[in-house]
Amino acid sequence: MKDLPSYRVIVVKLLKATSTRGERIALIENAAKQYSYTDHIVLPFDYRFNTIREQALDHLIRKGFNPVCTADDGDQYIIMCDNWTPNFIELTT
């Protein structure tokens, strides 16, 4: 069987506005839980960006992540990055 690369999966979701908070985006990395790392962060939605995908990509790249592809999954986006050991970067705000 052909060796395929393994990527980190980060899910990006829009959190609707409430009576006390504006719209926000969540970046979620479910696999991080098993390694005791932060599994999600929440950021205020930045209206400079056209989509939550653009904002999430900008945030990840500024934090040193290396996105290799994205996918649209209905009401959320998926971003795949190749930052594994020894280049592991924890998800932070």
C-alpha atoms as a PDB file:
ATOM      1  CA  MET A   1       0.000   0.000   0.000  1.00  0.00           C
ATOM      2  CA  LYS A   2       1.219   3.477  -0.825  1.00  0.00           C
ATOM      3  CA  ASP A   3       2.429   5.568   2.117  1.00  0.00           C
ATOM      4  CA  LEU A   4       0.209   8.603   2.559  1.00  0.00           C
ATOM      5  CA  PRO A   5       1.154  11.653   4.608  1.00  0.00           C
ATOM      6  CA  SER A   6      -0.552  12.175   7.946  1.00  0.00           C
ATOM      7  CA  TYR A   7      -1.965  15.633   8.620  1.00  0.00           C
ATOM      8  CA  ARG A   8      -3.416  17.474  11.594  1.00  0.00           C
ATOM      9  CA  VAL A   9      -7.110  18.186  11.108  1.00  0.00           C
ATOM     10  CA  ILE A  10      -8.445  21.503  12.373  1.00  0.00           C
ATOM     11  CA  VAL A  11     -12.187  22.106  12.078  1.00  0.00           C
ATOM     12  CA  VAL A  12     -13.401  25.705  11.775  1.00  0.00           C
ATOM     13  CA  LYS A  13     -16.966  26.588  12.818  1.00  0.00           C
ATOM     14  CA  LEU A  14     -18.946  29.811  13.111  1.00  0.00           C
ATOM     15  CA  LEU A  15     -20.454  30.467  16.531  1.00  0.00           C
ATOM     16  CA  LYS A  16     -23.583  32.576  16.154  1.00  0.00           C
ATOM     17  CA  ALA A  17     -24.024  35.830  18.049  1.00  0.00           C
ATOM     18  CA  THR A  18     -25.788  35.744  21.402  1.00  0.00           C
ATOM     19  CA  SER A  19     -27.408  38.522  23.403  1.00  0.00           C
ATOM     20  CA  THR A  20     -24.048  39.172  25.112  1.00  0.00           C
ATOM     21  CA  ARG A  21     -21.437  38.156  22.511  1.00  0.00           C
ATOM     22  CA  GLY A  22     -20.927  38.838  18.840  1.00  0.00           C
ATOM     23  CA  GLU A  23     -20.155  36.220  16.215  1.00  0.00           C
ATOM     24  CA  ARG A  24     -17.063  34.133  16.923  1.00  0.00           C
ATOM     25  CA  ILE A  25     -15.156  31.343  15.223  1.00  0.00           C
ATOM     26  CA  ALA A  26     -13.959  28.117  16.823  1.00  0.00           C
ATOM     27  CA  LEU A  27     -10.861  26.233  15.695  1.00  0.00           C
ATOM     28  CA  ILE A  28     -11.093  22.649  16.953  1.00  0.00           C
ATOM     29  CA  GLU A  29      -8.451  19.925  16.893  1.00  0.00           C
ATOM     30  CA  ASN A  30     -10.063  16.804  18.341  1.00  0.00           C
ATOM     31  CA  ALA A  31      -6.877  14.707  18.203  1.00  0.00           C
ATOM     32  CA  ALA A  32      -5.074  17.142  20.531  1.00  0.00           C
ATOM     33  CA  LYS A  33      -7.076  15.924  23.542  1.00  0.00           C
ATOM     34  CA  GLN A  34      -5.343  12.560  23.582  1.00  0.00           C
ATOM     35  CA  TYR A  35      -1.956  14.284  23.866  1.00  0.00           C
ATOM     36  CA  SER A  36      -3.068  16.734  26.592  1.00  0.00           C
ATOM     37  CA  TYR A  37      -2.829  19.752  24.319  1.00  0.00           C
ATOM     38  CA  THR A  38      -5.382  22.508  23.875  1.00  0.00           C
ATOM     39  CA  ASP A  39      -8.098  21.061  21.684  1.00  0.00           C
ATOM     40  CA  HIS A  40      -9.870  24.271  20.670  1.00  0.00           C
ATOM     41  CA  ILE A  41      -9.723  28.042  20.678  1.00  0.00           C
ATOM     42  CA  VAL A  42     -12.398  30.687  20.108  1.00  0.00           C
ATOM     43  CA  LEU A  43     -11.696  33.974  18.336  1.00  0.00           C
ATOM     44  CA  PRO A  44     -13.962  36.982  17.762  1.00  0.00           C
ATOM     45  CA  PHE A  45     -15.129  37.080  14.146  1.00  0.00           C
ATOM     46  CA  ASP A  46     -13.040  39.613  12.241  1.00  0.00           C
ATOM     47  CA  TYR A  47     -15.114  41.373   9.577  1.00  0.00           C
ATOM     48  CA  ARG A  48     -11.994  42.198   7.534  1.00  0.00           C
ATOM     49  CA  PHE A  49     -12.188  38.625   6.227  1.00  0.00           C
ATOM     50  CA  ASN A  50     -14.795  37.358   3.767  1.00  0.00           C
ATOM     51  CA  THR A  51     -15.095  33.929   5.392  1.00  0.00           C
ATOM     52  CA  ILE A  52     -14.241  32.129   8.606  1.00  0.00           C
ATOM     53  CA  ARG A  53     -11.924  29.947   6.494  1.00  0.00           C
ATOM     54  CA  GLU A  54      -9.832  33.009   5.541  1.00  0.00           C
ATOM     55  CA  GLN A  55      -9.658  34.195   9.140  1.00  0.00           C
ATOM     56  CA  ALA A  56      -8.668  30.758  10.431  1.00  0.00           C
ATOM     57  CA  LEU A  57      -5.967  30.355   7.768  1.00  0.00           C
ATOM     58  CA  ASP A  58      -4.566  33.800   8.581  1.00  0.00           C
ATOM     59  CA  HIS A  59      -4.475  32.978  12.297  1.00  0.00           C
ATOM     60  CA  LEU A  60      -2.827  29.584  11.814  1.00  0.00           C
ATOM     61  CA  ILE A  61      -0.183  30.908   9.414  1.00  0.00           C
ATOM     62  CA  ARG A  62       0.663  33.785  11.789  1.00  0.00           C
ATOM     63  CA  LYS A  63       1.121  31.202  14.583  1.00  0.00           C
ATOM     64  CA  GLY A  64       3.569  29.199  12.445  1.00  0.00           C
ATOM     65  CA  PHE A  65       1.280  26.435  11.188  1.00  0.00           C
ATOM     66  CA  ASN A  66       1.802  25.055   7.699  1.00  0.00           C
ATOM     67  CA  PRO A  67      -1.623  24.498   6.077  1.00  0.00           C
ATOM     68  CA  VAL A  68      -1.449  22.082   3.148  1.00  0.00           C
ATOM     69  CA  CYS A  69      -5.118  21.898   2.126  1.00  0.00           C
ATOM     70  CA  THR A  70      -8.648  22.901   3.057  1.00  0.00           C
ATOM     71  CA  ALA A  71     -12.086  21.416   2.535  1.00  0.00           C
ATOM     72  CA  ASP A  72     -15.643  22.707   2.816  1.00  0.00           C
ATOM     73  CA  ASP A  73     -17.862  20.407   4.875  1.00  0.00           C
ATOM     74  CA  GLY A  74     -21.254  22.118   4.752  1.00  0.00           C
ATOM     75  CA  ASP A  75     -21.475  24.399   7.780  1.00  0.00           C
ATOM     76  CA  GLN A  76     -17.787  24.089   8.675  1.00  0.00           C
ATOM     77  CA  TYR A  77     -14.357  24.101   7.089  1.00  0.00           C
ATOM     78  CA  ILE A  78     -11.511  21.649   7.533  1.00  0.00           C
ATOM     79  CA  ILE A  79      -7.890  22.796   7.410  1.00  0.00           C
ATOM     80  CA  MET A  80      -5.089  20.243   7.291  1.00  0.00           C
ATOM     81  CA  CYS A  81      -1.594  21.138   8.502  1.00  0.00           C
ATOM     82  CA  ASP A  82       1.638  19.159   8.548  1.00  0.00           C
ATOM     83  CA  ASN A  83       3.125  20.484  11.798  1.00  0.00           C
ATOM     84  CA  TRP A  84       4.025  17.257  13.600  1.00  0.00           C
ATOM     85  CA  THR A  85       6.984  16.363  15.774  1.00  0.00           C
ATOM     86  CA  PRO A  86       9.555  17.925  15.871  1.00  0.00           C
ATOM     87  CA  ASN A  87       7.679  20.947  14.462  1.00  0.00           C
ATOM     88  CA  PHE A  88       4.561  20.553  16.616  1.00  0.00           C
ATOM     89  CA  ILE A  89       2.816  23.847  17.384  1.00  0.00           C
ATOM     90  CA  GLU A  90       0.073  24.005  19.997  1.00  0.00           C
ATOM     91  CA  LEU A  91      -3.211  25.649  19.036  1.00  0.00           C
ATOM     92  CA  THR A  92      -3.279  29.033  20.830  1.00  0.00           C
ATOM     93  CA  THR A  93      -5.073  32.368  20.540  1.00  0.00           C
END
